[in-house]
C-alpha atoms as a PDB file:
ATOM      1  CA  MET A   1      22.262 112.483 -36.040  1.00  0.00           C
ATOM      2  CA  ALA A   2      23.810 115.329 -34.072  1.00  0.00           C
ATOM      3  CA  ASP A   3      25.377 118.377 -35.672  1.00  0.00           C
ATOM      4  CA  LEU A   4      28.526 117.750 -33.620  1.00  0.00           C
ATOM      5  CA  GLU A   5      29.722 114.578 -31.919  1.00  0.00           C
ATOM      6  CA  LEU A   6      32.249 114.768 -29.101  1.00  0.00           C
ATOM      7  CA  ASP A   7      34.177 111.631 -28.230  1.00  0.00           C
ATOM      8  CA  CYS A   8      34.917 112.014 -24.530  1.00  0.00           C
ATOM      9  CA  ARG A   9      35.504 108.319 -23.876  1.00  0.00           C
ATOM     10  CA  GLY A  10      38.154 107.861 -21.218  1.00  0.00           C
ATOM     11  CA  MET A  11      37.945 111.476 -20.014  1.00  0.00           C
ATOM     12  CA  ARG A  12      37.336 111.861 -16.303  1.00  0.00           C
ATOM     13  CA  CYS A  13      35.051 114.371 -14.630  1.00  0.00           C
ATOM     14  CA  PRO A  14      34.818 117.274 -15.327  1.00  0.00           C
ATOM     15  CA  MET A  15      36.477 117.010 -18.755  1.00  0.00           C
ATOM     16  CA  PRO A  16      33.407 115.888 -20.786  1.00  0.00           C
ATOM     17  CA  VAL A  17      31.462 118.943 -19.575  1.00  0.00           C
ATOM     18  CA  ILE A  18      34.436 121.234 -20.159  1.00  0.00           C
ATOM     19  CA  GLU A  19      34.704 119.919 -23.714  1.00  0.00           C
ATOM     20  CA  LEU A  20      30.956 120.466 -24.203  1.00  0.00           C
ATOM     21  CA  ALA A  21      31.239 124.051 -22.927  1.00  0.00           C
ATOM     22  CA  ARG A  22      34.207 124.697 -25.188  1.00  0.00           C
ATOM     23  CA  ARG A  23      32.495 123.366 -28.322  1.00  0.00           C
ATOM     24  CA  ILE A  24      28.784 124.253 -27.912  1.00  0.00           C
ATOM     25  CA  GLU A  25      29.178 127.393 -30.016  1.00  0.00           C
ATOM     26  CA  ASP A  26      30.475 125.289 -32.917  1.00  0.00           C
ATOM     27  CA  VAL A  27      26.861 124.374 -33.698  1.00  0.00           C
ATOM     28  CA  PRO A  28      24.101 126.782 -34.732  1.00  0.00           C
ATOM     29  CA  VAL A  29      21.297 127.734 -32.357  1.00  0.00           C
ATOM     30  CA  GLY A  30      18.848 124.831 -32.497  1.00  0.00           C
ATOM     31  CA  GLY A  31      21.653 122.414 -33.381  1.00  0.00           C
ATOM     32  CA  THR A  32      22.642 119.443 -31.269  1.00  0.00           C
ATOM     33  CA  VAL A  33      25.824 118.162 -29.683  1.00  0.00           C
ATOM     34  CA  ALA A  34      26.225 114.491 -28.799  1.00  0.00           C
ATOM     35  CA  VAL A  35      28.701 113.781 -26.004  1.00  0.00           C
ATOM     36  CA  ALA A  36      29.906 110.177 -25.822  1.00  0.00           C
ATOM     37  CA  ALA A  37      31.317 109.717 -22.323  1.00  0.00           C
ATOM     38  CA  THR A  38      32.377 106.687 -20.311  1.00  0.00           C
ATOM     39  CA  ASP A  39      32.711 108.613 -17.039  1.00  0.00           C
ATOM     40  CA  VAL A  40      29.660 107.786 -14.902  1.00  0.00           C
ATOM     41  CA  ALA A  41      29.513 111.365 -13.575  1.00  0.00           C
ATOM     42  CA  ALA A  42      28.600 112.627 -17.061  1.00  0.00           C
ATOM     43  CA  ARG A  43      25.080 111.214 -16.583  1.00  0.00           C
ATOM     44  CA  VAL A  44      24.544 113.859 -13.864  1.00  0.00           C
ATOM     45  CA  ASP A  45      26.984 116.529 -15.040  1.00  0.00           C
ATOM     46  CA  VAL A  46      25.648 117.064 -18.572  1.00  0.00           C
ATOM     47  CA  PRO A  47      22.007 117.697 -17.555  1.00  0.00           C
ATOM     48  CA  ALA A  48      23.195 119.917 -14.674  1.00  0.00           C
ATOM     49  CA  TRP A  49      25.418 121.897 -17.052  1.00  0.00           C
ATOM     50  CA  CYS A  50      22.426 122.357 -19.382  1.00  0.00           C
ATOM     51  CA  ARG A  51      20.307 123.770 -16.547  1.00  0.00           C
ATOM     52  CA  MET A  52      23.075 126.144 -15.442  1.00  0.00           C
ATOM     53  CA  ARG A  53      23.856 127.308 -18.999  1.00  0.00           C
ATOM     54  CA  GLU A  54      20.222 127.409 -20.156  1.00  0.00           C
ATOM     55  CA  GLN A  55      20.684 124.797 -22.864  1.00  0.00           C
ATOM     56  CA  ASP A  56      18.279 121.952 -23.625  1.00  0.00           C
ATOM     57  CA  TYR A  57      19.149 118.466 -22.437  1.00  0.00           C
ATOM     58  CA  VAL A  58      17.550 116.239 -25.067  1.00  0.00           C
ATOM     59  CA  GLY A  59      18.347 112.908 -23.454  1.00  0.00           C
ATOM     60  CA  GLU A  60      20.600 109.895 -23.441  1.00  0.00           C
ATOM     61  CA  GLU A  61      21.285 107.464 -26.243  1.00  0.00           C
ATOM     62  CA  VAL A  62      23.655 104.524 -26.535  1.00  0.00           C
ATOM     63  CA  ALA A  63      26.501 104.298 -29.061  1.00  0.00           C
ATOM     64  CA  ASP A  64      27.111 101.079 -31.007  1.00  0.00           C
ATOM     65  CA  ASP A  65      29.845 100.153 -28.527  1.00  0.00           C
ATOM     66  CA  GLY A  66      27.498 100.622 -25.540  1.00  0.00           C
ATOM     67  CA  THR A  67      28.889 104.016 -24.493  1.00  0.00           C
ATOM     68  CA  PRO A  68      26.294 106.471 -23.161  1.00  0.00           C
ATOM     69  CA  VAL A  69      25.777 109.472 -25.452  1.00  0.00           C
ATOM     70  CA  PHE A  70      24.256 112.626 -23.974  1.00  0.00           C
ATOM     71  CA  VAL A  71      22.488 114.926 -26.421  1.00  0.00           C
ATOM     72  CA  VAL A  72      22.278 118.686 -25.910  1.00  0.00           C
ATOM     73  CA  ARG A  73      20.426 121.221 -28.059  1.00  0.00           C
ATOM     74  CA  ARG A  74      21.914 124.698 -28.241  1.00  0.00           C
ATOM     75  CA  ARG A  75      19.288 127.200 -27.151  1.00  0.00           C
ATOM     76  CA  ALA A  76      21.292 130.417 -27.452  1.00  0.00           C
END
């Protein structure tokens, strides 16, 4: 269970990553953000954003409805 879940279903690139960047500080250091995104670019964009922003990409899960969920741990 993530500390914060972002529902970015239906948002097109780059909006899921912009929403992640806007909300990452809403969780404590060490906390996680789960980004549910239907845009196929999110599979590449979220890990790339983590590398650029020095956050930890935890991995990908699948929501009950089949939507990919990308999990990020706040490092700083």
